[in-house]
């Protein structure tokens, strides 16, 4: 059975944690603001030490702690639940920025601007051209693309990996 060792440095500004194996190889490491406390740093180190999807769990912990520090515990739980429903279940989460549009055909560049994901049609075109725009998790490649939407439909627009909005068709 392999042995692992956890080291924690609880400093005045940052807390650090590291996991090493019995051959002194670094398996995982974590660092966080001390205001979050050493439990968060050890959890991040543990998650980083996991193979594969562990990094996604670490990102969730970091996002929760950053939101908690900036906006409070309640807001952090609300944001975490919104993200879970939106990205794990594909649900149209209430906390995500949402715009409404009538049924019919809509140019994707117009939707990106209306949703606040691009400041202008030119910026929206550059976003698409650069591969940073997505519609319902599929990359957009055509700057002149339009989407035909029926009443009751919900479209998810993304600009990059972190900015998202919903378009509800009424």
Protein backbone atom coordinates (compact mmCIF):
# COMPACT_ATOMS: atom_id res chain seq x y z
CA UNK A 1 0.00 0.00 0.00
CA UNK A 2 1.35 3.37 -1.04
CA UNK A 3 1.66 6.07 1.61
CA UNK A 4 0.88 9.73 1.11
CA UNK A 5 1.79 12.69 3.28
CA UNK A 6 0.03 16.03 3.63
CA UNK A 7 1.87 19.21 4.56
CA UNK A 8 0.11 22.46 5.44
CA UNK A 9 1.55 25.96 5.75
CA UNK A 10 -1.01 28.26 7.33
CA UNK A 11 0.45 31.71 6.70
CA UNK A 12 -0.80 35.19 7.45
CA UNK A 13 -1.81 35.88 3.82
CA UNK A 14 -1.97 32.49 2.13
CA UNK A 15 -2.49 28.90 3.16
CA UNK A 16 -0.67 26.21 1.21
CA UNK A 17 -1.09 22.47 1.18
CA UNK A 18 0.93 19.78 -0.56
CA UNK A 19 0.54 16.02 -0.89
CA UNK A 20 3.66 13.90 -1.52
CA UNK A 21 4.06 10.16 -1.96
CA UNK A 22 6.56 7.92 -0.18
CA UNK A 23 9.09 8.63 -2.97
CA UNK A 24 8.91 12.39 -2.23
CA UNK A 25 7.08 13.09 -5.50
CA UNK A 26 4.53 15.91 -5.42
CA UNK A 27 1.09 14.45 -6.05
CA UNK A 28 -1.01 17.54 -5.46
CA UNK A 29 -0.75 21.09 -4.21
CA UNK A 30 -3.14 23.85 -3.29
CA UNK A 31 -2.92 27.50 -2.34
CA UNK A 32 -5.64 29.83 -1.17
CA UNK A 33 -6.14 33.08 0.65
CA UNK A 34 -5.91 32.49 4.40
CA UNK A 35 -9.32 34.09 4.88
CA UNK A 36 -10.73 30.94 3.29
CA UNK A 37 -8.82 28.77 5.86
CA UNK A 38 -6.56 25.75 5.59
CA UNK A 39 -9.45 23.32 5.03
CA UNK A 40 -9.96 24.83 1.58
CA UNK A 41 -6.25 24.52 0.72
CA UNK A 42 -6.17 20.87 1.76
CA UNK A 43 -9.33 20.13 -0.22
CA UNK A 44 -7.83 21.76 -3.34
CA UNK A 45 -4.62 19.75 -2.89
CA UNK A 46 -6.63 16.55 -2.52
CA UNK A 47 -8.64 17.30 -5.65
CA UNK A 48 -5.54 18.20 -7.64
CA UNK A 49 -4.01 14.87 -6.65
CA UNK A 50 -6.93 13.01 -8.22
CA UNK A 51 -6.51 11.80 -11.79
CA UNK A 52 -8.76 13.07 -14.58
CA UNK A 53 -11.82 15.05 -13.53
CA UNK A 54 -10.33 16.09 -10.18
CA UNK A 55 -9.32 19.44 -11.66
CA UNK A 56 -12.97 20.27 -12.40
CA UNK A 57 -13.86 19.61 -8.77
CA UNK A 58 -10.97 21.85 -7.71
CA UNK A 59 -12.33 24.61 -9.97
CA UNK A 60 -15.72 24.29 -8.27
CA UNK A 61 -14.12 24.66 -4.84
CA UNK A 62 -12.12 27.68 -5.96
CA UNK A 63 -15.17 29.32 -7.58
CA UNK A 64 -17.26 28.75 -4.46
CA UNK A 65 -14.60 30.20 -2.15
CA UNK A 66 -13.95 33.22 -4.38
CA UNK A 67 -17.69 33.96 -4.53
CA UNK A 68 -18.06 33.42 -0.78
CA UNK A 69 -15.26 35.85 -0.02
CA UNK A 70 -16.57 38.50 -2.41
CA UNK A 71 -20.33 38.15 -1.96
CA UNK A 72 -21.03 35.99 1.08
CA UNK A 73 -22.04 32.41 1.86
CA UNK A 74 -25.61 32.64 0.54
CA UNK A 75 -24.52 34.07 -2.82
CA UNK A 76 -21.84 31.37 -3.14
CA UNK A 77 -24.39 28.58 -2.61
CA UNK A 78 -26.80 30.20 -5.11
CA UNK A 79 -24.06 30.58 -7.72
CA UNK A 80 -22.87 27.00 -7.21
CA UNK A 81 -26.40 25.66 -7.67
CA UNK A 82 -26.95 27.81 -10.77
CA UNK A 83 -23.70 26.52 -12.28
CA UNK A 84 -24.55 22.92 -11.39
CA UNK A 85 -28.01 23.07 -12.98
CA UNK A 86 -26.76 24.90 -16.05
CA UNK A 87 -23.61 22.94 -16.82
CA UNK A 88 -24.25 19.49 -15.34
CA UNK A 89 -27.96 19.17 -16.10
CA UNK A 90 -28.15 21.53 -19.07
CA UNK A 91 -31.02 23.33 -17.37
CA UNK A 92 -31.99 26.92 -17.97
CA UNK A 93 -30.91 28.23 -14.60
CA UNK A 94 -32.66 31.25 -13.11
CA UNK A 95 -29.44 32.97 -12.03
CA UNK A 96 -28.00 33.10 -15.56
CA UNK A 97 -28.41 36.37 -17.51
CA UNK A 98 -31.51 35.89 -19.68
CA UNK A 99 -32.99 37.86 -22.55
CA UNK A 100 -36.27 37.29 -24.37
CA UNK A 101 -36.78 37.34 -28.12
CA UNK A 102 -39.83 36.67 -30.30
CA UNK A 103 -40.13 33.44 -32.29
CA UNK A 104 -38.54 33.50 -35.72
CA UNK A 105 -35.14 33.86 -37.29
CA UNK A 106 -32.36 35.68 -35.41
CA UNK A 107 -28.82 36.46 -36.53
CA UNK A 108 -26.40 34.99 -34.01
CA UNK A 109 -24.34 38.21 -33.97
CA UNK A 110 -27.49 40.12 -32.96
CA UNK A 111 -28.17 37.65 -30.15
CA UNK A 112 -24.59 37.91 -28.86
CA UNK A 113 -24.88 41.72 -28.73
CA UNK A 114 -28.39 41.68 -27.19
CA UNK A 115 -27.24 39.23 -24.51
CA UNK A 116 -24.31 41.48 -23.62
CA UNK A 117 -21.71 38.91 -24.66
CA UNK A 118 -20.32 41.23 -27.35
CA UNK A 119 -20.23 45.02 -27.41
CA UNK A 120 -20.96 45.31 -31.13
CA UNK A 121 -21.74 43.23 -34.18
CA UNK A 122 -18.08 43.54 -35.21
CA UNK A 123 -16.97 42.21 -31.85
CA UNK A 124 -19.48 39.36 -32.16
CA UNK A 125 -18.12 38.47 -35.62
CA UNK A 126 -14.54 38.48 -34.29
CA UNK A 127 -15.64 36.27 -31.39
CA UNK A 128 -17.14 33.77 -33.84
CA UNK A 129 -14.16 33.97 -36.19
CA UNK A 130 -11.80 33.34 -33.28
CA UNK A 131 -13.73 30.26 -32.16
CA UNK A 132 -14.94 31.77 -28.89
CA UNK A 133 -18.69 31.78 -29.51
CA UNK A 134 -20.98 28.84 -28.85
CA UNK A 135 -24.67 28.16 -29.28
CA UNK A 136 -26.06 25.37 -27.10
CA UNK A 137 -22.48 24.19 -26.45
CA UNK A 138 -21.64 23.88 -30.17
CA UNK A 139 -18.95 26.13 -31.60
CA UNK A 140 -20.17 28.76 -34.02
CA UNK A 141 -18.09 29.05 -37.20
CA UNK A 142 -20.28 31.09 -39.56
CA UNK A 143 -20.35 34.81 -38.82
CA UNK A 144 -23.57 35.13 -40.85
CA UNK A 145 -25.33 32.27 -39.04
CA UNK A 146 -28.95 32.66 -38.05
CA UNK A 147 -31.06 30.50 -35.79
CA UNK A 148 -34.74 29.73 -36.30
CA UNK A 149 -36.43 29.47 -32.91
CA UNK A 150 -39.96 28.45 -31.98
CA UNK A 151 -41.93 29.76 -29.00
CA UNK A 152 -40.89 28.11 -25.74
CA UNK A 153 -37.33 27.38 -26.89
CA UNK A 154 -34.34 28.33 -24.76
CA UNK A 155 -30.93 28.88 -26.34
CA UNK A 156 -27.66 29.01 -24.43
CA UNK A 157 -25.07 31.44 -25.78
CA UNK A 158 -21.47 31.42 -24.61
CA UNK A 159 -18.58 33.79 -25.18
CA UNK A 160 -15.42 32.02 -24.15
CA UNK A 161 -15.49 29.56 -21.28
CA UNK A 162 -16.89 31.77 -18.54
CA UNK A 163 -19.51 34.12 -20.00
CA UNK A 164 -22.95 32.69 -20.69
CA UNK A 165 -26.48 33.90 -21.30
CA UNK A 166 -29.83 32.39 -22.10
CA UNK A 167 -32.20 33.47 -24.87
CA UNK A 168 -35.83 32.59 -24.13
CA UNK A 169 -38.06 32.55 -27.18
CA UNK A 170 -41.57 33.90 -26.46
